[in-house]
PDB file of N, CA and C in Angstrom:
ATOM      1  N   MET A   1      46.766  55.353 146.101  1.00  0.00           N
ATOM      2  CA  MET A   1      46.838  56.945 146.530  1.00  0.00           C
ATOM      3  C   MET A   1      45.486  56.308 147.574  1.00  0.00           C
ATOM      4  N   ALA A   2      46.014  57.343 148.731  1.00  0.00           N
ATOM      5  CA  ALA A   2      44.942  57.666 149.400  1.00  0.00           C
ATOM      6  C   ALA A   2      43.982  58.818 149.260  1.00  0.00           C
ATOM      7  N   LYS A   3      42.440  58.349 149.910  1.00  0.00           N
ATOM      8  CA  LYS A   3      41.349  59.317 149.564  1.00  0.00           C
ATOM      9  C   LYS A   3      41.434  61.008 148.962  1.00  0.00           C
ATOM     10  N   LYS A   4      42.125  61.121 150.693  1.00  0.00           N
ATOM     11  CA  LYS A   4      42.909  62.431 150.622  1.00  0.00           C
ATOM     12  C   LYS A   4      43.646  63.275 149.731  1.00  0.00           C
ATOM     13  N   GLU A   5      44.441  62.348 149.309  1.00  0.00           N
ATOM     14  CA  GLU A   5      45.813  62.504 148.175  1.00  0.00           C
ATOM     15  C   GLU A   5      44.751  62.637 146.751  1.00  0.00           C
ATOM     16  N   LYS A   6      44.025  61.881 146.357  1.00  0.00           N
ATOM     17  CA  LYS A   6      43.351  61.802 145.057  1.00  0.00           C
ATOM     18  C   LYS A   6      42.295  62.996 145.086  1.00  0.00           C
ATOM     19  N   THR A   7      41.269  63.173 146.389  1.00  0.00           N
ATOM     20  CA  THR A   7      41.069  64.225 146.278  1.00  0.00           C
ATOM     21  C   THR A   7      41.609  66.149 146.088  1.00  0.00           C
ATOM     22  N   THR A   8      42.393  65.812 146.652  1.00  0.00           N
ATOM     23  CA  THR A   8      43.585  67.453 147.165  1.00  0.00           C
ATOM     24  C   THR A   8      44.348  67.333 145.269  1.00  0.00           C
ATOM     25  N   GLN A   9      44.766  66.078 144.645  1.00  0.00           N
ATOM     26  CA  GLN A   9      44.818  66.199 142.912  1.00  0.00           C
ATOM     27  C   GLN A   9      43.952  66.493 142.081  1.00  0.00           C
ATOM     28  N   LYS A  10      42.743  66.393 142.531  1.00  0.00           N
ATOM     29  CA  LYS A  10      41.792  66.828 141.584  1.00  0.00           C
ATOM     30  C   LYS A  10      41.269  67.573 141.693  1.00  0.00           C
ATOM     31  N   ALA A  11      41.246  68.648 143.117  1.00  0.00           N
ATOM     32  CA  ALA A  11      41.243  70.118 143.156  1.00  0.00           C
ATOM     33  C   ALA A  11      41.951  70.816 142.528  1.00  0.00           C
ATOM     34  N   GLN A  12      43.353  70.518 142.397  1.00  0.00           N
ATOM     35  CA  GLN A  12      44.583  71.096 141.889  1.00  0.00           C
ATOM     36  C   GLN A  12      44.310  70.784 140.233  1.00  0.00           C
ATOM     37  N   GLU A  13      43.681  69.279 139.657  1.00  0.00           N
ATOM     38  CA  GLU A  13      43.523  69.104 138.233  1.00  0.00           C
ATOM     39  C   GLU A  13      42.528  70.756 138.016  1.00  0.00           C
ATOM     40  N   ASN A  14      41.455  70.483 138.882  1.00  0.00           N
ATOM     41  CA  ASN A  14      40.260  71.354 138.711  1.00  0.00           C
ATOM     42  C   ASN A  14      40.483  73.018 138.438  1.00  0.00           C
ATOM     43  N   TRP A  15      41.514  73.181 139.611  1.00  0.00           N
ATOM     44  CA  TRP A  15      41.776  75.083 139.260  1.00  0.00           C
ATOM     45  C   TRP A  15      42.494  74.898 138.083  1.00  0.00           C
ATOM     46  N   SER A  16      43.607  74.652 137.659  1.00  0.00           N
ATOM     47  CA  SER A  16      44.230  74.835 136.317  1.00  0.00           C
ATOM     48  C   SER A  16      43.552  74.686 135.474  1.00  0.00           C
ATOM     49  N   HIS A  17      42.375  74.348 135.227  1.00  0.00           N
ATOM     50  CA  HIS A  17      41.471  74.318 133.962  1.00  0.00           C
ATOM     51  C   HIS A  17      40.827  75.326 134.154  1.00  0.00           C
ATOM     52  N   LYS A  18      40.492  76.169 135.577  1.00  0.00           N
ATOM     53  CA  LYS A  18      39.401  76.936 135.816  1.00  0.00           C
ATOM     54  C   LYS A  18      40.035  78.749 136.006  1.00  0.00           C
ATOM     55  N   ASN A  19      41.868  78.449 136.201  1.00  0.00           N
ATOM     56  CA  ASN A  19      42.476  79.775 136.598  1.00  0.00           C
ATOM     57  C   ASN A  19      43.789  80.062 135.374  1.00  0.00           C
ATOM     58  N   ASP A  20      44.010  80.999 135.169  1.00  0.00           N
ATOM     59  CA  ASP A  20      45.374  81.636 134.611  1.00  0.00           C
ATOM     60  C   ASP A  20      46.150  81.387 135.298  1.00  0.00           C
ATOM     61  N   PHE A  21      46.281  81.251 136.443  1.00  0.00           N
ATOM     62  CA  PHE A  21      47.599  81.008 137.438  1.00  0.00           C
ATOM     63  C   PHE A  21      47.310  79.635 138.190  1.00  0.00           C
ATOM     64  N   PRO A  22      48.467  79.610 138.743  1.00  0.00           N
ATOM     65  CA  PRO A  22      49.386  78.007 139.479  1.00  0.00           C
ATOM     66  C   PRO A  22      48.464  78.776 140.634  1.00  0.00           C
ATOM     67  N   ILE A  23      48.139  77.498 141.395  1.00  0.00           N
ATOM     68  CA  ILE A  23      47.716  77.190 142.789  1.00  0.00           C
ATOM     69  C   ILE A  23      48.426  77.552 143.829  1.00  0.00           C
ATOM     70  N   GLU A  24      49.939  77.631 143.361  1.00  0.00           N
ATOM     71  CA  GLU A  24      51.104  77.565 144.401  1.00  0.00           C
ATOM     72  C   GLU A  24      50.927  79.361 144.493  1.00  0.00           C
ATOM     73  N   GLU A  25      50.552  80.113 143.447  1.00  0.00           N
ATOM     74  CA  GLU A  25      50.987  81.557 143.573  1.00  0.00           C
ATOM     75  C   GLU A  25      49.199  81.824 144.492  1.00  0.00           C
ATOM     76  N   VAL A  26      48.357  80.956 145.034  1.00  0.00           N
ATOM     77  CA  VAL A  26      47.325  81.237 145.963  1.00  0.00           C
ATOM     78  C   VAL A  26      48.198  81.511 147.472  1.00  0.00           C
ATOM     79  N   TRP A  27      48.582  80.309 147.679  1.00  0.00           N
ATOM     80  CA  TRP A  27      49.323  79.732 148.472  1.00  0.00           C
ATOM     81  C   TRP A  27      50.442  80.890 148.880  1.00  0.00           C
ATOM     82  N   ASN A  28      50.802  81.398 148.201  1.00  0.00           N
ATOM     83  CA  ASN A  28      52.153  82.611 148.490  1.00  0.00           C
ATOM     84  C   ASN A  28      51.379  83.772 147.925  1.00  0.00           C
ATOM     85  N   THR A  29      50.691  84.409 147.680  1.00  0.00           N
ATOM     86  CA  THR A  29      49.969  85.403 147.169  1.00  0.00           C
ATOM     87  C   THR A  29      50.798  86.589 146.863  1.00  0.00           C
ATOM     88  N   TYR A  30      51.438  86.581 148.520  1.00  0.00           N
ATOM     89  CA  TYR A  30      52.376  87.885 148.806  1.00  0.00           C
ATOM     90  C   TYR A  30      53.039  87.844 147.677  1.00  0.00           C
ATOM     91  N   GLN A  31      54.003  86.690 147.819  1.00  0.00           N
ATOM     92  CA  GLN A  31      54.819  86.506 147.181  1.00  0.00           C
ATOM     93  C   GLN A  31      55.238  87.005 145.479  1.00  0.00           C
ATOM     94  N   ALA A  32      54.027  86.092 145.011  1.00  0.00           N
ATOM     95  CA  ALA A  32      53.610  86.039 143.550  1.00  0.00           C
ATOM     96  C   ALA A  32      53.147  87.574 143.664  1.00  0.00           C
ATOM     97  N   LEU A  33      52.795  88.270 143.745  1.00  0.00           N
ATOM     98  CA  LEU A  33      52.001  89.681 143.503  1.00  0.00           C
ATOM     99  C   LEU A  33      53.454  90.525 143.786  1.00  0.00           C
ATOM    100  N   ALA A  34      54.418  90.050 144.903  1.00  0.00           N
ATOM    101  CA  ALA A  34      55.608  91.009 145.206  1.00  0.00           C
ATOM    102  C   ALA A  34      56.757  90.985 143.695  1.00  0.00           C
ATOM    103  N   GLU A  35      56.435  89.812 143.265  1.00  0.00           N
ATOM    104  CA  GLU A  35      57.431  89.392 142.276  1.00  0.00           C
ATOM    105  C   GLU A  35      57.089  89.892 140.649  1.00  0.00           C
ATOM    106  N   LEU A  36      55.787  90.363 140.504  1.00  0.00           N
ATOM    107  CA  LEU A  36      55.097  91.243 139.546  1.00  0.00           C
ATOM    108  C   LEU A  36      54.976  93.145 139.885  1.00  0.00           C
ATOM    109  N   ILE A  37      55.131  93.165 140.698  1.00  0.00           N
ATOM    110  CA  ILE A  37      55.538  94.822 141.406  1.00  0.00           C
ATOM    111  C   ILE A  37      56.750  94.997 141.249  1.00  0.00           C
ATOM    112  N   ALA A  38      57.578  94.504 142.045  1.00  0.00           N
ATOM    113  CA  ALA A  38      59.021  94.893 141.928  1.00  0.00           C
ATOM    114  C   ALA A  38      59.950  95.583 140.167  1.00  0.00           C
ATOM    115  N   PRO A  39      59.433  94.701 139.843  1.00  0.00           N
ATOM    116  CA  PRO A  39      60.225  95.128 138.033  1.00  0.00           C
ATOM    117  C   PRO A  39      59.563  96.166 137.461  1.00  0.00           C
ATOM    118  N   ARG A  40      58.399  96.673 137.714  1.00  0.00           N
ATOM    119  CA  ARG A  40      57.479  97.048 137.306  1.00  0.00           C
ATOM    120  C   ARG A  40      57.352  98.485 138.025  1.00  0.00           C
ATOM    121  N   LEU A  41      57.951  98.927 139.396  1.00  0.00           N
ATOM    122  CA  LEU A  41      58.484  99.717 139.751  1.00  0.00           C
ATOM    123  C   LEU A  41      59.620 100.280 139.795  1.00  0.00           C
ATOM    124  N   ARG A  42      60.465  99.012 139.364  1.00  0.00           N
ATOM    125  CA  ARG A  42      61.946  99.512 138.995  1.00  0.00           C
ATOM    126  C   ARG A  42      61.812 100.783 137.696  1.00  0.00           C
ATOM    127  N   THR A  43      61.150  99.658 136.998  1.00  0.00           N
ATOM    128  CA  THR A  43      60.989 100.678 135.198  1.00  0.00           C
ATOM    129  C   THR A  43      60.546 101.902 135.616  1.00  0.00           C
ATOM    130  N   PHE A  44      58.814 102.076 136.472  1.00  0.00           N
ATOM    131  CA  PHE A  44      58.682 103.014 136.525  1.00  0.00           C
ATOM    132  C   PHE A  44      59.557 104.106 137.265  1.00  0.00           C
ATOM    133  N   LYS A  45      60.354 103.762 138.000  1.00  0.00           N
ATOM    134  CA  LYS A  45      61.269 104.595 138.305  1.00  0.00           C
ATOM    135  C   LYS A  45      62.374 105.371 137.344  1.00  0.00           C
ATOM    136  N   ALA A  46      62.549 104.382 136.666  1.00  0.00           N
ATOM    137  CA  ALA A  46      63.722 104.694 135.720  1.00  0.00           C
ATOM    138  C   ALA A  46      63.322 105.578 134.548  1.00  0.00           C
ATOM    139  N   HIS A  47      62.367 105.452 134.133  1.00  0.00           N
ATOM    140  CA  HIS A  47      61.851 106.243 132.960  1.00  0.00           C
ATOM    141  C   HIS A  47      61.407 108.046 133.455  1.00  0.00           C
ATOM    142  N   ASP A  48      61.368 108.749 132.850  1.00  0.00           N
ATOM    143  CA  ASP A  48      61.684 109.793 132.759  1.00  0.00           C
ATOM    144  C   ASP A  48      59.801 109.940 132.635  1.00  0.00           C
ATOM    145  N   LYS A  49      59.319 110.895 133.868  1.00  0.00           N
ATOM    146  CA  LYS A  49      58.185 110.950 133.933  1.00  0.00           C
ATOM    147  C   LYS A  49      57.693 112.209 134.145  1.00  0.00           C
ATOM    148  N   HIS A  50      56.695 112.391 134.051  1.00  0.00           N
ATOM    149  CA  HIS A  50      55.696 113.965 133.364  1.00  0.00           C
ATOM    150  C   HIS A  50      55.323 114.873 134.601  1.00  0.00           C
ATOM    151  N   GLY A  51      55.445 113.684 135.973  1.00  0.00           N
ATOM    152  CA  GLY A  51      55.063 114.690 136.989  1.00  0.00           C
ATOM    153  C   GLY A  51      55.407 113.984 138.349  1.00  0.00           C
ATOM    154  N   PHE A  52      55.261 114.233 139.445  1.00  0.00           N
ATOM    155  CA  PHE A  52      55.377 113.790 140.656  1.00  0.00           C
ATOM    156  C   PHE A  52      54.304 113.614 141.585  1.00  0.00           C
ATOM    157  N   CYS A  53      54.317 113.199 142.575  1.00  0.00           N
ATOM    158  CA  CYS A  53      52.883 113.140 143.418  1.00  0.00           C
ATOM    159  C   CYS A  53      53.137 114.388 143.943  1.00  0.00           C
ATOM    160  N   PRO A  54      52.095 114.662 144.445  1.00  0.00           N
ATOM    161  CA  PRO A  54      52.083 116.857 145.547  1.00  0.00           C
ATOM    162  C   PRO A  54      52.609 116.518 146.915  1.00  0.00           C
ATOM    163  N   ASP A  55      52.847 115.048 147.272  1.00  0.00           N
ATOM    164  CA  ASP A  55      53.102 115.545 148.513  1.00  0.00           C
ATOM    165  C   ASP A  55      54.772 115.241 148.905  1.00  0.00           C
ATOM    166  N   PHE A  56      54.898 115.446 147.803  1.00  0.00           N
ATOM    167  CA  PHE A  56      56.732 115.401 147.835  1.00  0.00           C
ATOM    168  C   PHE A  56      57.336 116.653 146.730  1.00  0.00           C
ATOM    169  N   LYS A  57      58.589 117.038 147.667  1.00  0.00           N
ATOM    170  CA  LYS A  57      58.925 118.525 146.586  1.00  0.00           C
ATOM    171  C   LYS A  57      59.746 118.469 145.348  1.00  0.00           C
ATOM    172  N   GLY A  58      59.670 117.508 144.959  1.00  0.00           N
ATOM    173  CA  GLY A  58      60.329 117.305 143.524  1.00  0.00           C
ATOM    174  C   GLY A  58      60.515 115.970 143.131  1.00  0.00           C
ATOM    175  N   MET A  59      60.683 115.664 141.825  1.00  0.00           N
ATOM    176  CA  MET A  59      60.969 114.387 141.339  1.00  0.00           C
ATOM    177  C   MET A  59      62.568 113.296 141.758  1.00  0.00           C
ATOM    178  N   ILE A  60      63.354 113.898 142.280  1.00  0.00           N
ATOM    179  CA  ILE A  60      63.845 113.222 143.220  1.00  0.00           C
ATOM    180  C   ILE A  60      63.754 112.816 144.654  1.00  0.00           C
ATOM    181  N   GLU A  61      62.775 113.577 145.281  1.00  0.00           N
ATOM    182  CA  GLU A  61      62.056 112.892 146.538  1.00  0.00           C
ATOM    183  C   GLU A  61      61.033 111.719 146.232  1.00  0.00           C
ATOM    184  N   TRP A  62      60.226 112.160 145.309  1.00  0.00           N
ATOM    185  CA  TRP A  62      59.610 111.185 144.784  1.00  0.00           C
ATOM    186  C   TRP A  62      60.127 109.817 144.375  1.00  0.00           C
ATOM    187  N   ASN A  63      61.599 109.683 143.160  1.00  0.00           N
ATOM    188  CA  ASN A  63      62.176 108.548 142.985  1.00  0.00           C
ATOM    189  C   ASN A  63      62.817 107.992 144.403  1.00  0.00           C
ATOM    190  N   GLN A  64      63.141 108.938 145.632  1.00  0.00           N
ATOM    191  CA  GLN A  64      63.039 108.179 146.917  1.00  0.00           C
ATOM    192  C   GLN A  64      62.656 107.174 147.264  1.00  0.00           C
ATOM    193  N   ALA A  65      61.199 107.897 147.252  1.00  0.00           N
ATOM    194  CA  ALA A  65      59.901 107.020 147.990  1.00  0.00           C
ATOM    195  C   ALA A  65      59.677 105.933 147.327  1.00  0.00           C
ATOM    196  N   ILE A  66      59.639 106.161 145.723  1.00  0.00           N
ATOM    197  CA  ILE A  66      59.291 104.625 144.619  1.00  0.00           C
ATOM    198  C   ILE A  66      61.180 103.650 145.303  1.00  0.00           C
ATOM    199  N   GLN A  67      62.187 104.057 145.265  1.00  0.00           N
ATOM    200  CA  GLN A  67      62.888 103.040 146.047  1.00  0.00           C
ATOM    201  C   GLN A  67      62.495 102.442 146.921  1.00  0.00           C
ATOM    202  N   LYS A  68      61.907 102.861 147.859  1.00  0.00           N
ATOM    203  CA  LYS A  68      61.866 102.178 149.121  1.00  0.00           C
ATOM    204  C   LYS A  68      60.538 101.512 148.773  1.00  0.00           C
ATOM    205  N   MET A  69      59.799 101.777 148.183  1.00  0.00           N
ATOM    206  CA  MET A  69      58.761 100.715 147.771  1.00  0.00           C
ATOM    207  C   MET A  69      59.511  99.255 147.347  1.00  0.00           C
ATOM    208  N   ILE A  70      60.650  99.589 146.029  1.00  0.00           N
ATOM    209  CA  ILE A  70      61.478  98.702 145.491  1.00  0.00           C
ATOM    210  C   ILE A  70      62.217  97.614 146.584  1.00  0.00           C
ATOM    211  N   ASP A  71      62.691  98.436 147.223  1.00  0.00           N
ATOM    212  CA  ASP A  71      63.338  97.580 148.485  1.00  0.00           C
ATOM    213  C   ASP A  71      62.603  96.619 149.337  1.00  0.00           C
ATOM    214  N   ALA A  72      61.272  97.056 149.635  1.00  0.00           N
ATOM    215  CA  ALA A  72      60.626  96.877 150.433  1.00  0.00           C
ATOM    216  C   ALA A  72      59.946  95.426 149.658  1.00  0.00           C
ATOM    217  N   PHE A  73      59.165  95.373 148.056  1.00  0.00           N
ATOM    218  CA  PHE A  73      59.043  94.589 147.503  1.00  0.00           C
ATOM    219  C   PHE A  73      60.285  93.409 147.199  1.00  0.00           C
ATOM    220  N   GLU A  74      61.684  94.020 146.917  1.00  0.00           N
ATOM    221  CA  GLU A  74      62.763  93.343 146.913  1.00  0.00           C
ATOM    222  C   GLU A  74      62.752  92.006 147.711  1.00  0.00           C
ATOM    223  N   LEU A  75      62.886  92.746 148.730  1.00  0.00           N
ATOM    224  CA  LEU A  75      63.245  91.730 150.200  1.00  0.00           C
ATOM    225  C   LEU A  75      62.014  90.325 150.695  1.00  0.00           C
ATOM    226  N   LEU A  76      60.772  90.893 150.111  1.00  0.00           N
ATOM    227  CA  LEU A  76      59.534  90.371 150.402  1.00  0.00           C
ATOM    228  C   LEU A  76      59.908  88.732 149.198  1.00  0.00           C
ATOM    229  N   ILE A  77      60.696  89.151 147.679  1.00  0.00           N
ATOM    230  CA  ILE A  77      61.097  88.044 147.344  1.00  0.00           C
ATOM    231  C   ILE A  77      62.277  87.409 147.118  1.00  0.00           C
ATOM    232  N   ASP A  78      62.899  87.991 147.823  1.00  0.00           N
ATOM    233  CA  ASP A  78      64.392  87.332 148.122  1.00  0.00           C
ATOM    234  C   ASP A  78      64.475  85.802 148.526  1.00  0.00           C
ATOM    235  N   GLU A  79      64.392  84.809 147.944  1.00  0.00           N
ATOM    236  CA  GLU A  79      64.742  83.770 147.969  1.00  0.00           C
ATOM    237  C   GLU A  79      65.387  83.015 149.256  1.00  0.00           C
ATOM    238  N   ASP A  80      66.611  83.502 149.236  1.00  0.00           N
ATOM    239  CA  ASP A  80      67.442  83.478 150.239  1.00  0.00           C
ATOM    240  C   ASP A  80      66.874  83.592 151.702  1.00  0.00           C
ATOM    241  N   LYS A  81      66.313  84.855 151.943  1.00  0.00           N
ATOM    242  CA  LYS A  81      65.515  85.497 153.224  1.00  0.00           C
ATOM    243  C   LYS A  81      64.571  84.261 154.198  1.00  0.00           C
ATOM    244  N   LEU A  82      63.942  83.727 153.369  1.00  0.00           N
ATOM    245  CA  LEU A  82      63.014  82.417 153.885  1.00  0.00           C
ATOM    246  C   LEU A  82      62.151  83.028 154.127  1.00  0.00           C
ATOM    247  N   GLY A  83      61.856  84.300 154.085  1.00  0.00           N
ATOM    248  CA  GLY A  83      60.756  84.805 154.939  1.00  0.00           C
ATOM    249  C   GLY A  83      61.236  85.337 156.573  1.00  0.00           C
ATOM    250  N   ILE A  84      62.559  85.441 156.783  1.00  0.00           N
ATOM    251  CA  ILE A  84      63.050  85.753 157.506  1.00  0.00           C
ATOM    252  C   ILE A  84      63.906  86.914 157.909  1.00  0.00           C
ATOM    253  N   PHE A  85      63.281  87.902 158.855  1.00  0.00           N
ATOM    254  CA  PHE A  85      63.986  89.250 158.354  1.00  0.00           C
ATOM    255  C   PHE A  85      64.383  89.648 159.539  1.00  0.00           C
ATOM    256  N   THR A  86      65.456  91.037 159.497  1.00  0.00           N
ATOM    257  CA  THR A  86      66.068  91.310 161.018  1.00  0.00           C
ATOM    258  C   THR A  86      65.143  92.717 160.955  1.00  0.00           C
ATOM    259  N   LYS A  87      65.443  93.195 161.810  1.00  0.00           N
ATOM    260  CA  LYS A  87      64.367  94.092 162.477  1.00  0.00           C
ATOM    261  C   LYS A  87      64.399  95.481 161.586  1.00  0.00           C
ATOM    262  N   ASP A  88      65.676  95.837 160.749  1.00  0.00           N
ATOM    263  CA  ASP A  88      65.550  96.871 159.881  1.00  0.00           C
ATOM    264  C   ASP A  88      65.079  96.657 158.464  1.00  0.00           C
ATOM    265  N   GLU A  89      65.214  94.970 158.488  1.00  0.00           N
ATOM    266  CA  GLU A  89      64.397  94.643 157.280  1.00  0.00           C
ATOM    267  C   GLU A  89      62.777  94.826 157.163  1.00  0.00           C
ATOM    268  N   GLU A  90      62.245  94.318 158.444  1.00  0.00           N
ATOM    269  CA  GLU A  90      61.084  94.624 158.401  1.00  0.00           C
ATOM    270  C   GLU A  90      60.793  95.782 158.619  1.00  0.00           C
ATOM    271  N   GLU A  91      61.324  96.561 159.143  1.00  0.00           N
ATOM    272  CA  GLU A  91      61.023  98.410 159.225  1.00  0.00           C
ATOM    273  C   GLU A  91      60.945  98.680 157.645  1.00  0.00           C
ATOM    274  N   ALA A  92      61.777  98.454 157.029  1.00  0.00           N
ATOM    275  CA  ALA A  92      62.345  98.766 155.599  1.00  0.00           C
ATOM    276  C   ALA A  92      60.771  98.312 154.861  1.00  0.00           C
ATOM    277  N   ILE A  93      60.236  97.489 155.016  1.00  0.00           N
ATOM    278  CA  ILE A  93      59.108  96.265 154.186  1.00  0.00           C
ATOM    279  C   ILE A  93      57.838  97.022 154.943  1.00  0.00           C
ATOM    280  N   GLU A  94      57.742  97.611 156.171  1.00  0.00           N
ATOM    281  CA  GLU A  94      56.649  97.779 156.372  1.00  0.00           C
ATOM    282  C   GLU A  94      56.724  99.794 155.870  1.00  0.00           C
ATOM    283  N   HIS A  95      57.593 100.027 156.151  1.00  0.00           N
ATOM    284  CA  HIS A  95      58.007 101.581 155.153  1.00  0.00           C
ATOM    285  C   HIS A  95      57.508 101.129 154.115  1.00  0.00           C
ATOM    286  N   GLY A  96      57.961 100.749 153.133  1.00  0.00           N
ATOM    287  CA  GLY A  96      57.936 100.495 151.674  1.00  0.00           C
ATOM    288  C   GLY A  96      56.166 100.078 151.118  1.00  0.00           C
ATOM    289  N   LEU A  97      55.845  99.408 152.129  1.00  0.00           N
ATOM    290  CA  LEU A  97      54.221  98.881 151.671  1.00  0.00           C
ATOM    291  C   LEU A  97      53.789  99.963 152.449  1.00  0.00           C
ATOM    292  N   GLU A  98      53.901 100.881 153.307  1.00  0.00           N
ATOM    293  CA  GLU A  98      52.697 102.098 153.641  1.00  0.00           C
ATOM    294  C   GLU A  98      53.020 102.888 152.242  1.00  0.00           C
ATOM    295  N   LEU A  99      54.123 103.194 151.970  1.00  0.00           N
ATOM    296  CA  LEU A  99      54.345 103.998 150.731  1.00  0.00           C
ATOM    297  C   LEU A  99      53.422 103.558 149.839  1.00  0.00           C
ATOM    298  N   PHE A 100      53.676 102.564 149.040  1.00  0.00           N
ATOM    299  CA  PHE A 100      52.962 101.720 148.354  1.00  0.00           C
ATOM    300  C   PHE A 100      51.504 101.867 148.386  1.00  0.00           C
ATOM    301  N   SER A 101      51.092 101.517 149.460  1.00  0.00           N
ATOM    302  CA  SER A 101      49.560 101.568 149.700  1.00  0.00           C
ATOM    303  C   SER A 101      49.131 103.451 149.998  1.00  0.00           C
ATOM    304  N   LYS A 102      49.701 104.150 150.054  1.00  0.00           N
ATOM    305  CA  LYS A 102      49.528 105.650 150.542  1.00  0.00           C
ATOM    306  C   LYS A 102      49.826 106.390 148.773  1.00  0.00           C
ATOM    307  N   TYR A 103      50.546 105.932 148.298  1.00  0.00           N
ATOM    308  CA  TYR A 103      50.786 106.280 146.626  1.00  0.00           C
ATOM    309  C   TYR A 103      50.659 105.681 145.603  1.00  0.00           C
ATOM    310  N   PHE A 104      49.432 104.546 145.808  1.00  0.00           N
ATOM    311  CA  PHE A 104      49.340 103.442 144.766  1.00  0.00           C
ATOM    312  C   PHE A 104      48.583 104.281 143.233  1.00  0.00           C
ATOM    313  N   ARG A 105      47.726 105.233 143.904  1.00  0.00           N
ATOM    314  CA  ARG A 105      47.066 105.503 142.961  1.00  0.00           C
ATOM    315  C   ARG A 105      48.239 106.751 141.939  1.00  0.00           C
ATOM    316  N   TYR A 106      49.221 107.308 142.200  1.00  0.00           N
ATOM    317  CA  TYR A 106      50.048 108.036 141.877  1.00  0.00           C
ATOM    318  C   TYR A 106      51.186 107.607 140.728  1.00  0.00           C
ATOM    319  N   LEU A 107      51.176 106.342 140.773  1.00  0.00           N
ATOM    320  CA  LEU A 107      52.183 104.998 140.115  1.00  0.00           C
ATOM    321  C   LEU A 107      51.616 105.245 138.616  1.00  0.00           C
ATOM    322  N   TRP A 108      51.747 106.416 138.251  1.00  0.00           N
ATOM    323  CA  TRP A 108      51.242 106.241 136.492  1.00  0.00           C
ATOM    324  C   TRP A 108      51.870 107.499 135.956  1.00  0.00           C
ATOM    325  N   ASP A 109      52.146 107.677 134.823  1.00  0.00           N
ATOM    326  CA  ASP A 109      52.682 108.341 134.045  1.00  0.00           C
ATOM    327  C   ASP A 109      51.835 109.424 132.667  1.00  0.00           C
TER     328      ASP A 109
END
């Protein structure tokens, strides 16, 4: 085994002893996070909520915004896409992520 390979292997072994997640999740952080966020947003949307973000006119509009967030994260974790998106998909991702960022602190009940 080459010296570089041994160093890389040792670094990965040290990583696993110090962290609760695999190094592969660091290499692809956005997908690892998207895989955590998407199912939580789906569940959040499905549950009866006691209120909605004041920027929206009602629960229907709030749920539509949440769905756009869900759509963005689901596109990001779609393994068939391999990170290659159409122009419409790129726009949906950008819009959903903007909504997620803007309304992140309203994702509670």
